[in-house]
Amino acid sequence: MSSSAVRPFLVNKDEDGLFRLTVRETRYNSQGYPLVTSTLQPETFKTATAAKVHAREVFGAVTGDYATK
């Protein structure tokens, strides 16, 4: 079982130089193994900050919920 938790929001730059937001949901199986489902959002953003603001407004993200890798 992994001791590190997956942050629910991933902000990455795509090949066009725009930022994309991926929403990740973590569930655990009966042995406690994490199962992560990732959903890439259709919106693109000019900055990482704009992606984070969108996550806050739409998904209720808070500080510390973001990952860049």
PDB file of N, CA and C in Angstrom:
ATOM      1  N   MET A   1       0.840  -1.182   0.000  1.00  0.00           N
ATOM      2  CA  MET A   1       0.000   0.000   0.000  1.00  0.00           C
ATOM      3  C   MET A   1       0.877   1.234   0.000  1.00  0.00           C
ATOM      4  N   SER A   2       0.541   2.190  -0.843  1.00  0.00           N
ATOM      5  CA  SER A   2       1.308   3.425  -0.969  1.00  0.00           C
ATOM      6  C   SER A   2       0.943   4.382   0.155  1.00  0.00           C
ATOM      7  N   SER A   3       1.957   5.040   0.708  1.00  0.00           N
ATOM      8  CA  SER A   3       1.696   5.973   1.802  1.00  0.00           C
ATOM      9  C   SER A   3       1.479   7.391   1.299  1.00  0.00           C
ATOM     10  N   SER A   4       1.795   7.666   0.020  1.00  0.00           N
ATOM     11  CA  SER A   4       1.622   9.017  -0.504  1.00  0.00           C
ATOM     12  C   SER A   4       0.263   9.148  -1.188  1.00  0.00           C
ATOM     13  N   ALA A   5      -0.453  10.186  -0.835  1.00  0.00           N
ATOM     14  CA  ALA A   5      -1.779  10.415  -1.397  1.00  0.00           C
ATOM     15  C   ALA A   5      -1.652  11.159  -2.723  1.00  0.00           C
ATOM     16  N   VAL A   6      -2.541  10.858  -3.665  1.00  0.00           N
ATOM     17  CA  VAL A   6      -2.564  11.535  -4.950  1.00  0.00           C
ATOM     18  C   VAL A   6      -3.377  12.812  -4.777  1.00  0.00           C
ATOM     19  N   ARG A   7      -2.792  13.919  -5.204  1.00  0.00           N
ATOM     20  CA  ARG A   7      -3.538  15.183  -5.117  1.00  0.00           C
ATOM     21  C   ARG A   7      -4.639  15.183  -6.169  1.00  0.00           C
ATOM     22  N   PRO A   8      -5.814  15.697  -5.824  1.00  0.00           N
ATOM     23  CA  PRO A   8      -6.972  15.543  -6.706  1.00  0.00           C
ATOM     24  C   PRO A   8      -6.962  16.398  -7.973  1.00  0.00           C
ATOM     25  N   PHE A   9      -6.068  17.382  -8.087  1.00  0.00           N
ATOM     26  CA  PHE A   9      -6.055  18.236  -9.269  1.00  0.00           C
ATOM     27  C   PHE A   9      -4.646  18.322  -9.825  1.00  0.00           C
ATOM     28  N   LEU A  10      -4.500  17.992 -11.106  1.00  0.00           N
ATOM     29  CA  LEU A  10      -3.217  18.028 -11.788  1.00  0.00           C
ATOM     30  C   LEU A  10      -3.264  19.129 -12.840  1.00  0.00           C
ATOM     31  N   VAL A  11      -2.280  20.047 -12.796  1.00  0.00           N
ATOM     32  CA  VAL A  11      -2.181  21.134 -13.763  1.00  0.00           C
ATOM     33  C   VAL A  11      -0.932  20.886 -14.603  1.00  0.00           C
ATOM     34  N   ASN A  12      -1.124  20.697 -15.919  1.00  0.00           N
ATOM     35  CA  ASN A  12      -0.017  20.428 -16.831  1.00  0.00           C
ATOM     36  C   ASN A  12      -0.098  21.325 -18.049  1.00  0.00           C
ATOM     37  N   LYS A  13       1.066  21.592 -18.648  1.00  0.00           N
ATOM     38  CA  LYS A  13       1.114  22.349 -19.895  1.00  0.00           C
ATOM     39  C   LYS A  13       1.055  21.355 -21.054  1.00  0.00           C
ATOM     40  N   ASP A  14       0.200  21.630 -22.051  1.00  0.00           N
ATOM     41  CA  ASP A  14       0.099  20.733 -23.199  1.00  0.00           C
ATOM     42  C   ASP A  14       1.090  21.130 -24.287  1.00  0.00           C
ATOM     43  N   GLU A  15       1.069  20.419 -25.403  1.00  0.00           N
ATOM     44  CA  GLU A  15       2.033  20.660 -26.478  1.00  0.00           C
ATOM     45  C   GLU A  15       1.854  22.018 -27.148  1.00  0.00           C
ATOM     46  N   ASP A  16       0.696  22.648 -26.994  1.00  0.00           N
ATOM     47  CA  ASP A  16       0.441  23.973 -27.557  1.00  0.00           C
ATOM     48  C   ASP A  16       0.838  25.097 -26.607  1.00  0.00           C
ATOM     49  N   GLY A  17       1.327  24.757 -25.416  1.00  0.00           N
ATOM     50  CA  GLY A  17       1.726  25.765 -24.441  1.00  0.00           C
ATOM     51  C   GLY A  17       0.601  26.250 -23.554  1.00  0.00           C
ATOM     52  N   LEU A  18      -0.565  25.621 -23.664  1.00  0.00           N
ATOM     53  CA  LEU A  18      -1.700  25.976 -22.807  1.00  0.00           C
ATOM     54  C   LEU A  18      -1.758  25.015 -21.632  1.00  0.00           C
ATOM     55  N   PHE A  19      -2.371  25.457 -20.548  1.00  0.00           N
ATOM     56  CA  PHE A  19      -2.477  24.631 -19.356  1.00  0.00           C
ATOM     57  C   PHE A  19      -3.799  23.883 -19.358  1.00  0.00           C
ATOM     58  N   ARG A  20      -3.754  22.631 -18.904  1.00  0.00           N
ATOM     59  CA  ARG A  20      -4.924  21.765 -18.821  1.00  0.00           C
ATOM     60  C   ARG A  20      -5.076  21.283 -17.384  1.00  0.00           C
ATOM     61  N   LEU A  21      -6.306  21.037 -16.995  1.00  0.00           N
ATOM     62  CA  LEU A  21      -6.631  20.577 -15.653  1.00  0.00           C
ATOM     63  C   LEU A  21      -7.136  19.146 -15.720  1.00  0.00           C
ATOM     64  N   THR A  22      -6.556  18.276 -14.913  1.00  0.00           N
ATOM     65  CA  THR A  22      -7.011  16.897 -14.798  1.00  0.00           C
ATOM     66  C   THR A  22      -7.548  16.691 -13.387  1.00  0.00           C
ATOM     67  N   VAL A  23      -8.764  16.181 -13.295  1.00  0.00           N
ATOM     68  CA  VAL A  23      -9.386  15.898 -12.003  1.00  0.00           C
ATOM     69  C   VAL A  23      -9.172  14.416 -11.716  1.00  0.00           C
ATOM     70  N   ARG A  24      -8.598  14.126 -10.541  1.00  0.00           N
ATOM     71  CA  ARG A  24      -8.307  12.739 -10.175  1.00  0.00           C
ATOM     72  C   ARG A  24      -9.113  12.344  -8.934  1.00  0.00           C
ATOM     73  N   GLU A  25      -9.696  11.158  -9.013  1.00  0.00           N
ATOM     74  CA  GLU A  25     -10.474  10.618  -7.892  1.00  0.00           C
ATOM     75  C   GLU A  25      -9.785   9.343  -7.418  1.00  0.00           C
ATOM     76  N   THR A  26      -9.533   9.252  -6.112  1.00  0.00           N
ATOM     77  CA  THR A  26      -8.873   8.076  -5.551  1.00  0.00           C
ATOM     78  C   THR A  26      -9.864   7.281  -4.713  1.00  0.00           C
ATOM     79  N   ARG A  27      -9.956   5.978  -5.039  1.00  0.00           N
ATOM     80  CA  ARG A  27     -10.742   5.036  -4.240  1.00  0.00           C
ATOM     81  C   ARG A  27      -9.771   3.959  -3.787  1.00  0.00           C
ATOM     82  N   TYR A  28     -10.161   3.167  -2.837  1.00  0.00           N
ATOM     83  CA  TYR A  28      -9.298   2.099  -2.332  1.00  0.00           C
ATOM     84  C   TYR A  28     -10.026   0.766  -2.430  1.00  0.00           C
ATOM     85  N   ASN A  29      -9.296  -0.276  -2.880  1.00  0.00           N
ATOM     86  CA  ASN A  29      -9.907  -1.593  -2.962  1.00  0.00           C
ATOM     87  C   ASN A  29      -9.906  -2.246  -1.580  1.00  0.00           C
ATOM     88  N   SER A  30     -10.332  -3.486  -1.503  1.00  0.00           N
ATOM     89  CA  SER A  30     -10.483  -4.165  -0.212  1.00  0.00           C
ATOM     90  C   SER A  30      -9.154  -4.403   0.500  1.00  0.00           C
ATOM     91  N   GLN A  31      -8.036  -4.401  -0.239  1.00  0.00           N
ATOM     92  CA  GLN A  31      -6.721  -4.554   0.392  1.00  0.00           C
ATOM     93  C   GLN A  31      -6.068  -3.210   0.703  1.00  0.00           C
ATOM     94  N   GLY A  32      -6.776  -2.120   0.451  1.00  0.00           N
ATOM     95  CA  GLY A  32      -6.247  -0.790   0.742  1.00  0.00           C
ATOM     96  C   GLY A  32      -5.385  -0.219  -0.369  1.00  0.00           C
ATOM     97  N   TYR A  33      -5.394  -0.838  -1.550  1.00  0.00           N
ATOM     98  CA  TYR A  33      -4.605  -0.359  -2.679  1.00  0.00           C
ATOM     99  C   TYR A  33      -5.358   0.778  -3.367  1.00  0.00           C
ATOM    100  N   PRO A  34      -4.690   1.913  -3.642  1.00  0.00           N
ATOM    101  CA  PRO A  34      -5.384   3.050  -4.267  1.00  0.00           C
ATOM    102  C   PRO A  34      -5.678   2.810  -5.745  1.00  0.00           C
ATOM    103  N   LEU A  35      -6.891   3.137  -6.158  1.00  0.00           N
ATOM    104  CA  LEU A  35      -7.312   3.084  -7.553  1.00  0.00           C
ATOM    105  C   LEU A  35      -7.636   4.514  -7.968  1.00  0.00           C
ATOM    106  N   VAL A  36      -6.881   5.052  -8.913  1.00  0.00           N
ATOM    107  CA  VAL A  36      -7.022   6.450  -9.304  1.00  0.00           C
ATOM    108  C   VAL A  36      -7.675   6.543 -10.678  1.00  0.00           C
ATOM    109  N   THR A  37      -8.739   7.358 -10.765  1.00  0.00           N
ATOM    110  CA  THR A  37      -9.408   7.643 -12.025  1.00  0.00           C
ATOM    111  C   THR A  37      -9.100   9.096 -12.379  1.00  0.00           C
ATOM    112  N   SER A  38      -8.561   9.318 -13.580  1.00  0.00           N
ATOM    113  CA  SER A  38      -8.196  10.667 -14.025  1.00  0.00           C
ATOM    114  C   SER A  38      -9.092  11.096 -15.175  1.00  0.00           C
ATOM    115  N   THR A  39      -9.598  12.340 -15.097  1.00  0.00           N
ATOM    116  CA  THR A  39     -10.452  12.889 -16.138  1.00  0.00           C
ATOM    117  C   THR A  39      -9.892  14.235 -16.577  1.00  0.00           C
ATOM    118  N   LEU A  40      -9.411  14.300 -17.820  1.00  0.00           N
ATOM    119  CA  LEU A  40      -8.888  15.542 -18.376  1.00  0.00           C
ATOM    120  C   LEU A  40     -10.061  16.447 -18.722  1.00  0.00           C
ATOM    121  N   GLN A  41     -10.048  17.666 -18.230  1.00  0.00           N
ATOM    122  CA  GLN A  41     -11.125  18.613 -18.483  1.00  0.00           C
ATOM    123  C   GLN A  41     -10.936  19.253 -19.855  1.00  0.00           C
ATOM    124  N   PRO A  42     -12.015  19.580 -20.555  1.00  0.00           N
ATOM    125  CA  PRO A  42     -11.906  20.110 -21.924  1.00  0.00           C
ATOM    126  C   PRO A  42     -11.379  21.541 -22.003  1.00  0.00           C
ATOM    127  N   GLU A  43     -11.461  22.300 -20.921  1.00  0.00           N
ATOM    128  CA  GLU A  43     -11.040  23.689 -20.946  1.00  0.00           C
ATOM    129  C   GLU A  43      -9.523  23.808 -21.019  1.00  0.00           C
ATOM    130  N   THR A  44      -9.037  24.875 -21.661  1.00  0.00           N
ATOM    131  CA  THR A  44      -7.613  25.213 -21.662  1.00  0.00           C
ATOM    132  C   THR A  44      -7.458  26.586 -21.037  1.00  0.00           C
ATOM    133  N   PHE A  45      -6.271  26.831 -20.465  1.00  0.00           N
ATOM    134  CA  PHE A  45      -6.016  28.075 -19.753  1.00  0.00           C
ATOM    135  C   PHE A  45      -4.657  28.631 -20.166  1.00  0.00           C
ATOM    136  N   LYS A  46      -4.531  29.955 -20.164  1.00  0.00           N
ATOM    137  CA  LYS A  46      -3.270  30.588 -20.547  1.00  0.00           C
ATOM    138  C   LYS A  46      -2.220  30.469 -19.451  1.00  0.00           C
ATOM    139  N   THR A  47      -2.649  30.384 -18.196  1.00  0.00           N
ATOM    140  CA  THR A  47      -1.716  30.278 -17.069  1.00  0.00           C
ATOM    141  C   THR A  47      -2.156  29.175 -16.119  1.00  0.00           C
ATOM    142  N   ALA A  48      -1.200  28.697 -15.330  1.00  0.00           N
ATOM    143  CA  ALA A  48      -1.512  27.693 -14.309  1.00  0.00           C
ATOM    144  C   ALA A  48      -2.437  28.288 -13.255  1.00  0.00           C
ATOM    145  N   THR A  49      -2.259  29.564 -12.960  1.00  0.00           N
ATOM    146  CA  THR A  49      -3.107  30.229 -11.969  1.00  0.00           C
ATOM    147  C   THR A  49      -4.567  30.238 -12.413  1.00  0.00           C
ATOM    148  N   ALA A  50      -4.800  30.462 -13.698  1.00  0.00           N
ATOM    149  CA  ALA A  50      -6.170  30.462 -14.216  1.00  0.00           C
ATOM    150  C   ALA A  50      -6.786  29.065 -14.086  1.00  0.00           C
ATOM    151  N   ALA A  51      -5.998  28.028 -14.304  1.00  0.00           N
ATOM    152  CA  ALA A  51      -6.489  26.656 -14.142  1.00  0.00           C
ATOM    153  C   ALA A  51      -6.849  26.390 -12.683  1.00  0.00           C
ATOM    154  N   LYS A  52      -6.031  26.881 -11.762  1.00  0.00           N
ATOM    155  CA  LYS A  52      -6.297  26.687 -10.339  1.00  0.00           C
ATOM    156  C   LYS A  52      -7.548  27.439  -9.902  1.00  0.00           C
ATOM    157  N   VAL A  53      -7.743  28.649 -10.428  1.00  0.00           N
ATOM    158  CA  VAL A  53      -8.944  29.427 -10.103  1.00  0.00           C
ATOM    159  C   VAL A  53     -10.182  28.680 -10.597  1.00  0.00           C
ATOM    160  N   HIS A  54     -10.111  28.116 -11.783  1.00  0.00           N
ATOM    161  CA  HIS A  54     -11.231  27.339 -12.323  1.00  0.00           C
ATOM    162  C   HIS A  54     -11.542  26.140 -11.415  1.00  0.00           C
ATOM    163  N   ALA A  55     -10.491  25.437 -10.972  1.00  0.00           N
ATOM    164  CA  ALA A  55     -10.688  24.287 -10.082  1.00  0.00           C
ATOM    165  C   ALA A  55     -11.342  24.717  -8.779  1.00  0.00           C
ATOM    166  N   ARG A  56     -10.950  25.872  -8.270  1.00  0.00           N
ATOM    167  CA  ARG A  56     -11.544  26.380  -7.031  1.00  0.00           C
ATOM    168  C   ARG A  56     -13.022  26.698  -7.223  1.00  0.00           C
ATOM    169  N   GLU A  57     -13.332  27.389  -8.324  1.00  0.00           N
ATOM    170  CA  GLU A  57     -14.708  27.829  -8.556  1.00  0.00           C
ATOM    171  C   GLU A  57     -15.648  26.673  -8.923  1.00  0.00           C
ATOM    172  N   VAL A  58     -15.185  25.734  -9.727  1.00  0.00           N
ATOM    173  CA  VAL A  58     -16.054  24.677 -10.234  1.00  0.00           C
ATOM    174  C   VAL A  58     -16.056  23.442  -9.338  1.00  0.00           C
ATOM    175  N   PHE A  59     -14.878  23.059  -8.817  1.00  0.00           N
ATOM    176  CA  PHE A  59     -14.759  21.807  -8.070  1.00  0.00           C
ATOM    177  C   PHE A  59     -14.530  21.986  -6.573  1.00  0.00           C
ATOM    178  N   GLY A  60     -14.396  23.222  -6.106  1.00  0.00           N
ATOM    179  CA  GLY A  60     -14.196  23.464  -4.679  1.00  0.00           C
ATOM    180  C   GLY A  60     -12.803  23.114  -4.185  1.00  0.00           C
ATOM    181  N   ALA A  61     -11.802  23.226  -5.049  1.00  0.00           N
ATOM    182  CA  ALA A  61     -10.422  22.922  -4.664  1.00  0.00           C
ATOM    183  C   ALA A  61      -9.929  23.908  -3.618  1.00  0.00           C
ATOM    184  N   VAL A  62      -9.006  23.453  -2.788  1.00  0.00           N
ATOM    185  CA  VAL A  62      -8.387  24.310  -1.777  1.00  0.00           C
ATOM    186  C   VAL A  62      -6.871  24.239  -1.935  1.00  0.00           C
ATOM    187  N   THR A  63      -6.173  25.139  -1.280  1.00  0.00           N
ATOM    188  CA  THR A  63      -4.713  25.148  -1.329  1.00  0.00           C
ATOM    189  C   THR A  63      -4.171  23.786  -0.904  1.00  0.00           C
ATOM    190  N   GLY A  64      -3.195  23.283  -1.660  1.00  0.00           N
ATOM    191  CA  GLY A  64      -2.623  21.986  -1.361  1.00  0.00           C
ATOM    192  C   GLY A  64      -3.245  20.842  -2.148  1.00  0.00           C
ATOM    193  N   ASP A  65      -4.316  21.108  -2.909  1.00  0.00           N
ATOM    194  CA  ASP A  65      -4.979  20.090  -3.710  1.00  0.00           C
ATOM    195  C   ASP A  65      -4.361  19.944  -5.108  1.00  0.00           C
ATOM    196  N   TYR A  66      -3.359  20.765  -5.437  1.00  0.00           N
ATOM    197  CA  TYR A  66      -2.830  20.804  -6.790  1.00  0.00           C
ATOM    198  C   TYR A  66      -1.480  20.095  -6.884  1.00  0.00           C
ATOM    199  N   ALA A  67      -1.272  19.443  -8.034  1.00  0.00           N
ATOM    200  CA  ALA A  67       0.009  18.843  -8.360  1.00  0.00           C
ATOM    201  C   ALA A  67       0.388  19.301  -9.762  1.00  0.00           C
ATOM    202  N   THR A  68       1.688  19.316 -10.050  1.00  0.00           N
ATOM    203  CA  THR A  68       2.145  19.688 -11.388  1.00  0.00           C
ATOM    204  C   THR A  68       2.885  18.544 -12.066  1.00  0.00           C
ATOM    205  N   LYS A  69       2.980  17.403 -11.393  1.00  0.00           N
ATOM    206  CA  LYS A  69       3.630  16.227 -11.983  1.00  0.00           C
ATOM    207  C   LYS A  69       2.784  15.001 -11.743  1.00  0.00           C
TER     208      LYS A  69
END
